[in-house]
Amino acid sequence: MPWLETSPVEQREQFIRDHRAGLYMMTELCARYDVSRKTGHKWLERFDEAGRRGATAMGDALRGLRIPIGTVLTSPTYRAIETVKFAQLGSPAAVAELGDGGQSMQGITAEQAAWLRTRVSEVPRSGNTILVTHQPNLSRAFPDWGPTVADGETVILRPDGKGGAALVGRISIEEWPRLR
């Protein structure tokens, strides 16, 4: 079998994905990629900076386009709360069902998936509801398209008024700066 060749960029991206999946402790992850912990943390910091820029651009675009924001719910994880903070989306409510249950994204339950499906089917009283969650939550709740959601991607759903919701759009993190 031929060796699989990957570029340094692909290796860094996989390192980030493996870190986000929570499968390995930092020391073990760095050993698997044959990098020092200092380098591993540097890669994560660069990734976090890109996330901060993307969240800020998302908030700027929502305000610039005058999209009304109603309720904002977020995963209680640090990164999700920081996303809301950098997007300046007001005071969110941290909701356990949008998080990982302390399982490093490995233990998304059927109950969490059902809660998410129910929540997106509810017509907002005013403005648009923003839910900040994680790809594993979307994958479990929406198996048809959830597994294809990229890091930082926004998914736009419209409640259908019948207990469901339609996927109406997706915005990658790189697109937000152009949407003002």
N, C-alpha and C. Protein backbone atom coordinates (compact mmCIF):
# COMPACT_ATOMS: atom_id res chain seq x y z
N MET A 1 0.85 -1.17 0.00
CA MET A 1 0.00 0.00 0.00
C MET A 1 0.89 1.23 0.00
N PRO A 2 0.63 2.21 -0.88
CA PRO A 2 1.46 3.41 -0.92
C PRO A 2 1.21 4.28 0.31
N TRP A 3 2.22 5.05 0.69
CA TRP A 3 2.12 5.98 1.80
C TRP A 3 1.22 7.14 1.42
N LEU A 4 0.45 7.59 2.37
CA LEU A 4 -0.40 8.75 2.16
C LEU A 4 0.44 9.99 2.44
N GLU A 5 0.55 10.86 1.45
CA GLU A 5 1.31 12.09 1.63
C GLU A 5 0.36 13.23 1.91
N THR A 6 0.72 14.05 2.91
CA THR A 6 -0.07 15.23 3.23
C THR A 6 0.85 16.42 3.33
N SER A 7 0.30 17.57 3.02
CA SER A 7 1.07 18.80 3.13
C SER A 7 1.10 19.25 4.59
N PRO A 8 2.03 20.15 4.93
CA PRO A 8 2.05 20.69 6.30
C PRO A 8 0.72 21.37 6.67
N VAL A 9 0.11 22.05 5.72
CA VAL A 9 -1.18 22.72 5.99
C VAL A 9 -2.24 21.68 6.32
N GLU A 10 -2.29 20.61 5.54
CA GLU A 10 -3.27 19.54 5.80
C GLU A 10 -3.02 18.90 7.16
N GLN A 11 -1.75 18.74 7.53
CA GLN A 11 -1.43 18.16 8.84
C GLN A 11 -1.89 19.08 9.97
N ARG A 12 -1.68 20.39 9.83
CA ARG A 12 -2.14 21.33 10.86
C ARG A 12 -3.66 21.31 10.97
N GLU A 13 -4.34 21.26 9.83
CA GLU A 13 -5.81 21.22 9.85
C GLU A 13 -6.30 19.95 10.53
N GLN A 14 -5.65 18.83 10.26
CA GLN A 14 -6.05 17.58 10.91
C GLN A 14 -5.73 17.63 12.40
N PHE A 15 -4.62 18.25 12.77
CA PHE A 15 -4.26 18.44 14.17
C PHE A 15 -5.39 19.19 14.89
N ILE A 16 -5.87 20.27 14.27
CA ILE A 16 -6.96 21.07 14.85
C ILE A 16 -8.22 20.21 14.98
N ARG A 17 -8.56 19.47 13.92
CA ARG A 17 -9.76 18.61 13.97
C ARG A 17 -9.62 17.57 15.08
N ASP A 18 -8.45 16.96 15.19
CA ASP A 18 -8.24 15.97 16.25
C ASP A 18 -8.34 16.61 17.63
N HIS A 19 -7.81 17.81 17.76
CA HIS A 19 -7.90 18.51 19.04
C HIS A 19 -9.36 18.81 19.39
N ARG A 20 -10.10 19.31 18.42
CA ARG A 20 -11.52 19.65 18.65
C ARG A 20 -12.35 18.41 18.95
N ALA A 21 -11.98 17.28 18.39
CA ALA A 21 -12.71 16.04 18.65
C ALA A 21 -12.48 15.54 20.08
N GLY A 22 -11.42 16.03 20.71
CA GLY A 22 -11.15 15.66 22.09
C GLY A 22 -10.70 14.23 22.30
N LEU A 23 -10.13 13.63 21.27
CA LEU A 23 -9.73 12.23 21.37
C LEU A 23 -8.42 12.04 22.12
N TYR A 24 -7.58 13.07 22.15
CA TYR A 24 -6.25 12.94 22.74
C TYR A 24 -5.96 14.11 23.66
N MET A 25 -5.18 13.85 24.70
CA MET A 25 -4.66 14.92 25.53
C MET A 25 -3.60 15.65 24.70
N MET A 26 -3.31 16.89 25.04
CA MET A 26 -2.40 17.71 24.24
C MET A 26 -1.03 17.04 24.06
N THR A 27 -0.49 16.47 25.11
CA THR A 27 0.82 15.83 25.01
C THR A 27 0.79 14.68 24.00
N GLU A 28 -0.26 13.86 24.08
CA GLU A 28 -0.38 12.73 23.15
C GLU A 28 -0.60 13.21 21.71
N LEU A 29 -1.43 14.24 21.56
CA LEU A 29 -1.70 14.78 20.23
C LEU A 29 -0.41 15.31 19.58
N CYS A 30 0.35 16.06 20.35
CA CYS A 30 1.61 16.59 19.82
C CYS A 30 2.58 15.47 19.46
N ALA A 31 2.61 14.42 20.27
CA ALA A 31 3.48 13.28 19.97
C ALA A 31 3.03 12.60 18.68
N ARG A 32 1.73 12.46 18.47
CA ARG A 32 1.21 11.82 17.25
C ARG A 32 1.61 12.60 16.00
N TYR A 33 1.71 13.94 16.13
CA TYR A 33 2.06 14.78 14.99
C TYR A 33 3.54 15.16 14.98
N ASP A 34 4.29 14.62 15.94
CA ASP A 34 5.72 14.85 16.03
C ASP A 34 6.06 16.33 16.08
N VAL A 35 5.31 17.06 16.94
CA VAL A 35 5.58 18.48 17.17
C VAL A 35 5.68 18.72 18.67
N SER A 36 6.37 19.78 19.03
CA SER A 36 6.46 20.12 20.45
C SER A 36 5.12 20.67 20.93
N ARG A 37 4.94 20.63 22.25
CA ARG A 37 3.71 21.22 22.81
C ARG A 37 3.64 22.71 22.47
N LYS A 38 4.80 23.38 22.47
CA LYS A 38 4.84 24.80 22.13
C LYS A 38 4.29 25.02 20.71
N THR A 39 4.72 24.20 19.77
CA THR A 39 4.23 24.31 18.39
C THR A 39 2.74 23.99 18.33
N GLY A 40 2.31 22.94 19.01
CA GLY A 40 0.89 22.58 19.03
C GLY A 40 0.03 23.72 19.55
N HIS A 41 0.47 24.35 20.63
CA HIS A 41 -0.29 25.48 21.18
C HIS A 41 -0.28 26.67 20.21
N LYS A 42 0.83 26.87 19.51
CA LYS A 42 0.91 27.96 18.53
C LYS A 42 -0.11 27.72 17.41
N TRP A 43 -0.22 26.49 16.93
CA TRP A 43 -1.19 26.17 15.89
C TRP A 43 -2.61 26.46 16.37
N LEU A 44 -2.89 26.09 17.63
CA LEU A 44 -4.23 26.33 18.18
C LEU A 44 -4.51 27.82 18.34
N GLU A 45 -3.51 28.59 18.76
CA GLU A 45 -3.68 30.04 18.89
C GLU A 45 -3.99 30.68 17.55
N ARG A 46 -3.29 30.25 16.49
CA ARG A 46 -3.56 30.79 15.16
C ARG A 46 -4.97 30.46 14.72
N PHE A 47 -5.40 29.22 15.02
CA PHE A 47 -6.76 28.81 14.69
C PHE A 47 -7.76 29.66 15.47
N ASP A 48 -7.49 29.89 16.76
CA ASP A 48 -8.37 30.71 17.58
C ASP A 48 -8.45 32.14 17.05
N GLU A 49 -7.34 32.69 16.58
CA GLU A 49 -7.34 34.06 16.03
C GLU A 49 -8.22 34.13 14.79
N ALA A 50 -8.15 33.12 13.95
CA ALA A 50 -9.02 33.09 12.76
C ALA A 50 -10.48 33.02 13.18
N GLY A 51 -10.76 32.26 14.23
CA GLY A 51 -12.13 32.17 14.75
C GLY A 51 -12.62 33.50 15.29
N ARG A 52 -11.73 34.23 15.99
CA ARG A 52 -12.12 35.56 16.51
C ARG A 52 -12.43 36.51 15.37
N ARG A 53 -11.60 36.50 14.34
CA ARG A 53 -11.85 37.37 13.18
C ARG A 53 -13.17 37.00 12.50
N GLY A 54 -13.42 35.70 12.37
CA GLY A 54 -14.66 35.25 11.74
C GLY A 54 -15.88 35.63 12.55
N ALA A 55 -15.82 35.47 13.87
CA ALA A 55 -16.96 35.82 14.72
C ALA A 55 -17.21 37.33 14.68
N THR A 56 -16.16 38.12 14.71
CA THR A 56 -16.30 39.57 14.62
C THR A 56 -16.93 39.96 13.29
N ALA A 57 -16.48 39.36 12.20
CA ALA A 57 -17.03 39.65 10.87
C ALA A 57 -18.50 39.24 10.79
N MET A 58 -18.85 38.12 11.42
CA MET A 58 -20.25 37.68 11.42
C MET A 58 -21.12 38.72 12.12
N GLY A 59 -20.72 39.16 13.29
CA GLY A 59 -21.49 40.17 14.02
C GLY A 59 -21.60 41.47 13.24
N ASP A 60 -20.49 41.90 12.64
CA ASP A 60 -20.51 43.13 11.83
C ASP A 60 -21.48 42.99 10.66
N ALA A 61 -21.47 41.83 10.01
CA ALA A 61 -22.36 41.61 8.86
C ALA A 61 -23.82 41.60 9.30
N LEU A 62 -24.12 40.93 10.39
CA LEU A 62 -25.51 40.88 10.87
C LEU A 62 -26.02 42.29 11.18
N ARG A 63 -25.17 43.09 11.83
CA ARG A 63 -25.57 44.47 12.14
C ARG A 63 -25.65 45.32 10.87
N GLY A 64 -24.67 45.18 9.98
CA GLY A 64 -24.65 45.95 8.74
C GLY A 64 -25.83 45.64 7.84
N LEU A 65 -26.27 44.41 7.85
CA LEU A 65 -27.43 44.00 7.04
C LEU A 65 -28.75 44.21 7.78
N ARG A 66 -28.65 44.72 9.00
CA ARG A 66 -29.82 45.00 9.84
C ARG A 66 -30.70 43.76 10.05
N ILE A 67 -30.06 42.65 10.26
CA ILE A 67 -30.79 41.41 10.55
C ILE A 67 -31.16 41.43 12.03
N PRO A 68 -32.45 41.40 12.33
CA PRO A 68 -32.86 41.49 13.73
C PRO A 68 -32.52 40.22 14.51
N ILE A 69 -31.92 40.42 15.67
CA ILE A 69 -31.52 39.30 16.52
C ILE A 69 -32.45 39.28 17.72
N GLY A 70 -33.02 38.11 17.97
CA GLY A 70 -33.86 37.91 19.14
C GLY A 70 -33.08 37.17 20.20
N THR A 71 -33.49 35.96 20.47
CA THR A 71 -32.85 35.12 21.48
C THR A 71 -31.51 34.58 20.96
N VAL A 72 -30.51 34.59 21.84
CA VAL A 72 -29.20 34.01 21.52
C VAL A 72 -28.92 32.95 22.58
N LEU A 73 -28.79 31.70 22.11
CA LEU A 73 -28.47 30.58 22.99
C LEU A 73 -27.13 30.00 22.55
N THR A 74 -26.32 29.59 23.51
CA THR A 74 -24.99 29.08 23.18
C THR A 74 -24.65 27.85 24.00
N SER A 75 -23.78 27.07 23.45
CA SER A 75 -23.16 25.99 24.21
C SER A 75 -22.41 26.62 25.38
N PRO A 76 -22.34 25.93 26.50
CA PRO A 76 -21.58 26.49 27.63
C PRO A 76 -20.07 26.35 27.48
N THR A 77 -19.59 25.82 26.36
CA THR A 77 -18.15 25.69 26.18
C THR A 77 -17.51 27.06 25.95
N TYR A 78 -16.28 27.18 26.37
CA TYR A 78 -15.55 28.45 26.28
C TYR A 78 -15.56 29.01 24.86
N ARG A 79 -15.23 28.18 23.89
CA ARG A 79 -15.11 28.65 22.50
C ARG A 79 -16.44 29.19 21.98
N ALA A 80 -17.54 28.54 22.31
CA ALA A 80 -18.86 29.01 21.86
C ALA A 80 -19.22 30.34 22.51
N ILE A 81 -18.97 30.46 23.78
CA ILE A 81 -19.25 31.72 24.49
C ILE A 81 -18.39 32.84 23.92
N GLU A 82 -17.13 32.53 23.62
CA GLU A 82 -16.24 33.53 23.01
C GLU A 82 -16.74 33.95 21.63
N THR A 83 -17.30 33.02 20.87
CA THR A 83 -17.86 33.36 19.56
C THR A 83 -18.94 34.41 19.71
N VAL A 84 -19.85 34.22 20.64
CA VAL A 84 -20.93 35.18 20.87
C VAL A 84 -20.36 36.53 21.32
N LYS A 85 -19.35 36.48 22.19
CA LYS A 85 -18.73 37.71 22.69
C LYS A 85 -18.09 38.50 21.55
N PHE A 86 -17.29 37.84 20.71
CA PHE A 86 -16.62 38.55 19.62
C PHE A 86 -17.58 39.01 18.54
N ALA A 87 -18.69 38.31 18.38
CA ALA A 87 -19.71 38.73 17.41
C ALA A 87 -20.59 39.84 17.98
N GLN A 88 -20.45 40.11 19.27
CA GLN A 88 -21.23 41.14 19.97
C GLN A 88 -22.73 40.91 19.75
N LEU A 89 -23.16 39.71 20.12
CA LEU A 89 -24.56 39.33 19.94
C LEU A 89 -25.39 39.50 21.20
N GLY A 90 -24.92 40.30 22.12
CA GLY A 90 -25.69 40.56 23.33
C GLY A 90 -25.36 39.57 24.43
N SER A 91 -26.34 39.35 25.29
CA SER A 91 -26.16 38.46 26.44
C SER A 91 -26.82 37.12 26.15
N PRO A 92 -26.02 36.14 25.79
CA PRO A 92 -26.59 34.83 25.47
C PRO A 92 -26.94 34.04 26.73
N ALA A 93 -27.79 33.07 26.56
CA ALA A 93 -28.05 32.10 27.62
C ALA A 93 -27.27 30.84 27.27
N ALA A 94 -26.45 30.37 28.20
CA ALA A 94 -25.72 29.12 27.98
C ALA A 94 -26.68 27.97 28.26
N VAL A 95 -26.78 27.05 27.31
CA VAL A 95 -27.73 25.95 27.39
C VAL A 95 -26.97 24.63 27.28
N ALA A 96 -27.12 23.79 28.28
CA ALA A 96 -26.38 22.51 28.31
C ALA A 96 -26.64 21.66 27.08
N GLU A 97 -27.86 21.69 26.55
CA GLU A 97 -28.20 20.85 25.39
C GLU A 97 -27.38 21.20 24.15
N LEU A 98 -26.82 22.40 24.09
CA LEU A 98 -26.00 22.80 22.94
C LEU A 98 -24.53 22.45 23.14
N GLY A 99 -24.18 21.98 24.33
CA GLY A 99 -22.79 21.68 24.65
C GLY A 99 -22.43 20.23 24.42
N ASP A 100 -21.35 19.82 25.09
CA ASP A 100 -20.82 18.47 24.91
C ASP A 100 -21.03 17.59 26.14
N GLY A 101 -21.72 18.11 27.14
CA GLY A 101 -21.97 17.32 28.35
C GLY A 101 -20.70 16.91 29.07
N GLY A 102 -19.63 17.69 28.86
CA GLY A 102 -18.36 17.35 29.50
C GLY A 102 -17.67 16.15 28.87
N GLN A 103 -18.12 15.75 27.69
CA GLN A 103 -17.59 14.55 27.04
C GLN A 103 -16.67 14.86 25.87
N SER A 104 -16.17 16.08 25.77
CA SER A 104 -15.26 16.47 24.68
C SER A 104 -15.83 16.13 23.31
N MET A 105 -17.10 16.42 23.13
CA MET A 105 -17.81 16.26 21.85
C MET A 105 -18.02 14.80 21.46
N GLN A 106 -17.72 13.87 22.34
CA GLN A 106 -17.89 12.46 21.98
C GLN A 106 -19.23 11.89 22.44
N GLY A 107 -19.90 12.56 23.37
CA GLY A 107 -21.10 11.97 23.96
C GLY A 107 -22.37 12.75 23.71
N ILE A 108 -22.60 13.19 22.49
CA ILE A 108 -23.83 13.90 22.19
C ILE A 108 -24.98 12.91 22.27
N THR A 109 -25.95 13.21 23.12
CA THR A 109 -27.03 12.26 23.37
C THR A 109 -28.20 12.43 22.41
N ALA A 110 -29.04 11.40 22.38
CA ALA A 110 -30.27 11.47 21.59
C ALA A 110 -31.17 12.59 22.11
N GLU A 111 -31.14 12.80 23.43
CA GLU A 111 -31.96 13.86 24.02
C GLU A 111 -31.49 15.25 23.55
N GLN A 112 -30.18 15.44 23.49
CA GLN A 112 -29.65 16.72 22.99
C GLN A 112 -30.06 16.93 21.53
N ALA A 113 -29.97 15.89 20.73
CA ALA A 113 -30.34 16.00 19.32
C ALA A 113 -31.83 16.33 19.19
N ALA A 114 -32.67 15.68 19.98
CA ALA A 114 -34.11 15.94 19.93
C ALA A 114 -34.40 17.38 20.37
N TRP A 115 -33.70 17.85 21.42
CA TRP A 115 -33.89 19.22 21.89
C TRP A 115 -33.54 20.21 20.77
N LEU A 116 -32.42 19.97 20.09
CA LEU A 116 -31.99 20.88 19.02
C LEU A 116 -33.00 20.88 17.87
N ARG A 117 -33.47 19.71 17.47
CA ARG A 117 -34.48 19.65 16.39
C ARG A 117 -35.75 20.41 16.79
N THR A 118 -36.17 20.24 18.05
CA THR A 118 -37.37 20.95 18.53
C THR A 118 -37.13 22.45 18.55
N ARG A 119 -35.98 22.86 19.04
CA ARG A 119 -35.69 24.30 19.19
C ARG A 119 -35.65 25.01 17.83
N VAL A 120 -35.07 24.40 16.82
CA VAL A 120 -34.98 25.06 15.52
C VAL A 120 -36.34 25.08 14.81
N SER A 121 -37.27 24.27 15.27
CA SER A 121 -38.59 24.25 14.65
C SER A 121 -39.52 25.32 15.22
N GLU A 122 -39.10 25.97 16.31
CA GLU A 122 -39.93 26.98 16.96
C GLU A 122 -39.80 28.33 16.24
N VAL A 123 -40.94 28.93 15.92
CA VAL A 123 -40.96 30.24 15.28
C VAL A 123 -40.64 31.28 16.36
N PRO A 124 -39.63 32.13 16.12
CA PRO A 124 -39.26 33.14 17.12
C PRO A 124 -40.38 34.15 17.35
N ARG A 125 -40.48 34.63 18.59
CA ARG A 125 -41.46 35.68 18.89
C ARG A 125 -41.07 37.00 18.25
N SER A 126 -39.78 37.27 18.25
CA SER A 126 -39.28 38.48 17.58
C SER A 126 -37.83 38.25 17.18
N GLY A 127 -37.42 38.85 16.08
CA GLY A 127 -36.05 38.70 15.60
C GLY A 127 -35.75 37.27 15.19
N ASN A 128 -34.49 37.02 14.99
CA ASN A 128 -34.01 35.70 14.62
C ASN A 128 -33.33 35.07 15.82
N THR A 129 -33.56 33.79 16.01
CA THR A 129 -32.90 33.06 17.08
C THR A 129 -31.54 32.59 16.59
N ILE A 130 -30.54 32.80 17.41
CA ILE A 130 -29.18 32.34 17.09
C ILE A 130 -28.81 31.26 18.10
N LEU A 131 -28.42 30.11 17.59
CA LEU A 131 -27.95 29.00 18.41
C LEU A 131 -26.49 28.75 18.06
N VAL A 132 -25.63 28.78 19.05
CA VAL A 132 -24.21 28.51 18.83
C VAL A 132 -23.92 27.15 19.44
N THR A 133 -23.60 26.20 18.57
CA THR A 133 -23.36 24.83 19.02
C THR A 133 -22.17 24.24 18.26
N HIS A 134 -22.11 22.94 18.19
CA HIS A 134 -20.94 22.26 17.65
C HIS A 134 -21.35 21.27 16.56
N GLN A 135 -20.40 20.96 15.70
CA GLN A 135 -20.66 20.05 14.59
C GLN A 135 -21.19 18.69 15.06
N PRO A 136 -20.67 18.07 16.12
CA PRO A 136 -21.23 16.79 16.54
C PRO A 136 -22.72 16.89 16.92
N ASN A 137 -23.12 18.02 17.50
CA ASN A 137 -24.53 18.21 17.85
C ASN A 137 -25.37 18.26 16.58
N LEU A 138 -24.89 19.01 15.57
CA LEU A 138 -25.61 19.12 14.31
C LEU A 138 -25.65 17.77 13.60
N SER A 139 -24.56 17.03 13.64
CA SER A 139 -24.50 15.71 12.99
C SER A 139 -25.53 14.76 13.58
N ARG A 140 -25.64 14.77 14.90
CA ARG A 140 -26.58 13.86 15.57
C ARG A 140 -28.03 14.29 15.33
N ALA A 141 -28.29 15.59 15.36
CA ALA A 141 -29.65 16.09 15.19
C ALA A 141 -30.12 16.06 13.74
N PHE A 142 -29.19 16.29 12.82
CA PHE A 142 -29.53 16.41 11.39
C PHE A 142 -28.59 15.53 10.56
N PRO A 143 -28.77 14.23 10.59
CA PRO A 143 -27.81 13.33 9.93
C PRO A 143 -27.71 13.50 8.41
N ASP A 144 -28.72 14.11 7.79
CA ASP A 144 -28.67 14.29 6.33
C ASP A 144 -27.62 15.32 5.91
N TRP A 145 -27.44 16.39 6.71
CA TRP A 145 -26.50 17.44 6.33
C TRP A 145 -25.55 17.85 7.45
N GLY A 146 -25.86 17.52 8.68
CA GLY A 146 -25.03 17.91 9.81
C GLY A 146 -23.57 17.50 9.73
N PRO A 147 -23.29 16.27 9.27
CA PRO A 147 -21.88 15.85 9.20
C PRO A 147 -21.03 16.67 8.23
N THR A 148 -21.67 17.41 7.33
CA THR A 148 -20.90 18.18 6.34
C THR A 148 -20.65 19.62 6.76
N VAL A 149 -21.12 20.02 7.93
CA VAL A 149 -20.91 21.39 8.41
C VAL A 149 -19.45 21.57 8.80
N ALA A 150 -18.82 22.59 8.25
CA ALA A 150 -17.40 22.86 8.51
C ALA A 150 -17.21 23.68 9.78
N ASP A 151 -16.00 23.68 10.31
CA ASP A 151 -15.67 24.52 11.46
C ASP A 151 -15.99 25.96 11.13
N GLY A 152 -16.71 26.63 12.01
CA GLY A 152 -17.02 28.04 11.84
C GLY A 152 -18.15 28.35 10.88
N GLU A 153 -18.70 27.34 10.26
CA GLU A 153 -19.77 27.57 9.28
C GLU A 153 -21.09 27.87 9.99
N THR A 154 -21.87 28.77 9.39
CA THR A 154 -23.19 29.12 9.90
C THR A 154 -24.23 28.39 9.05
N VAL A 155 -25.20 27.80 9.71
CA VAL A 155 -26.30 27.12 9.04
C VAL A 155 -27.56 27.93 9.31
N ILE A 156 -28.31 28.24 8.27
CA ILE A 156 -29.53 29.03 8.41
C ILE A 156 -30.72 28.11 8.19
N LEU A 157 -31.56 28.06 9.22
CA LEU A 157 -32.76 27.22 9.18
C LEU A 157 -34.00 28.10 9.33
N ARG A 158 -35.09 27.68 8.70
CA ARG A 158 -36.36 28.39 8.84
C ARG A 158 -37.40 27.41 9.37
N PRO A 159 -38.00 27.74 10.54
CA PRO A 159 -39.07 26.88 11.05
C PRO A 159 -40.21 26.82 10.02
N ASP A 160 -40.76 25.62 9.83
CA ASP A 160 -41.82 25.49 8.83
C ASP A 160 -43.22 25.66 9.40
N GLY A 161 -43.32 25.89 10.72
CA GLY A 161 -44.63 26.07 11.35
C GLY A 161 -45.36 24.76 11.58
N LYS A 162 -44.76 23.64 11.24
CA LYS A 162 -45.40 22.33 11.39
C LYS A 162 -44.55 21.39 12.25
N GLY A 163 -43.64 21.96 13.02
CA GLY A 163 -42.79 21.14 13.87
C GLY A 163 -41.47 20.75 13.25
N GLY A 164 -41.14 21.33 12.12
CA GLY A 164 -39.87 21.04 11.46
C GLY A 164 -39.18 22.32 11.07
N ALA A 165 -38.07 22.20 10.39
CA ALA A 165 -37.32 23.36 9.92
C ALA A 165 -36.64 23.00 8.61
N ALA A 166 -36.58 23.99 7.73
CA ALA A 166 -35.94 23.80 6.43
C ALA A 166 -34.57 24.45 6.43
N LEU A 167 -33.60 23.77 5.86
CA LEU A 167 -32.27 24.33 5.66
C LEU A 167 -32.36 25.29 4.48
N VAL A 168 -32.09 26.57 4.74
CA VAL A 168 -32.22 27.56 3.66
C VAL A 168 -30.89 28.16 3.23
N GLY A 169 -29.84 27.95 4.00
CA GLY A 169 -28.55 28.51 3.59
C GLY A 169 -27.42 28.11 4.51
N ARG A 170 -26.23 28.29 4.00
CA ARG A 170 -25.01 28.03 4.75
C ARG A 170 -24.02 29.13 4.40
N ILE A 171 -23.32 29.63 5.42
CA ILE A 171 -22.34 30.69 5.21
C ILE A 171 -21.03 30.25 5.86
N SER A 172 -20.00 30.14 5.05
CA SER A 172 -18.70 29.75 5.60
C SER A 172 -18.11 30.93 6.37
N ILE A 173 -17.21 30.63 7.26
CA ILE A 173 -16.59 31.68 8.07
C ILE A 173 -15.85 32.70 7.20
N GLU A 174 -15.35 32.26 6.05
CA GLU A 174 -14.62 33.16 5.15
C GLU A 174 -15.54 34.12 4.40
N GLU A 175 -16.83 33.80 4.31
CA GLU A 175 -17.77 34.64 3.57
C GLU A 175 -18.29 35.84 4.34
N TRP A 176 -18.28 35.78 5.66
CA TRP A 176 -18.89 36.85 6.47
C TRP A 176 -18.32 38.24 6.17
N PRO A 177 -17.01 38.42 6.00
CA PRO A 177 -16.50 39.77 5.75
C PRO A 177 -17.06 40.42 4.48
N ARG A 178 -17.52 39.60 3.53
CA ARG A 178 -18.06 40.15 2.27
C ARG A 178 -19.55 40.46 2.36
N LEU A 179 -20.20 40.18 3.47
CA LEU A 179 -21.66 40.28 3.57
C LEU A 179 -22.12 41.53 4.32
N ARG A 180 -21.52 42.64 4.10
CA ARG A 180 -21.94 43.85 4.82
C ARG A 180 -22.80 44.71 3.98
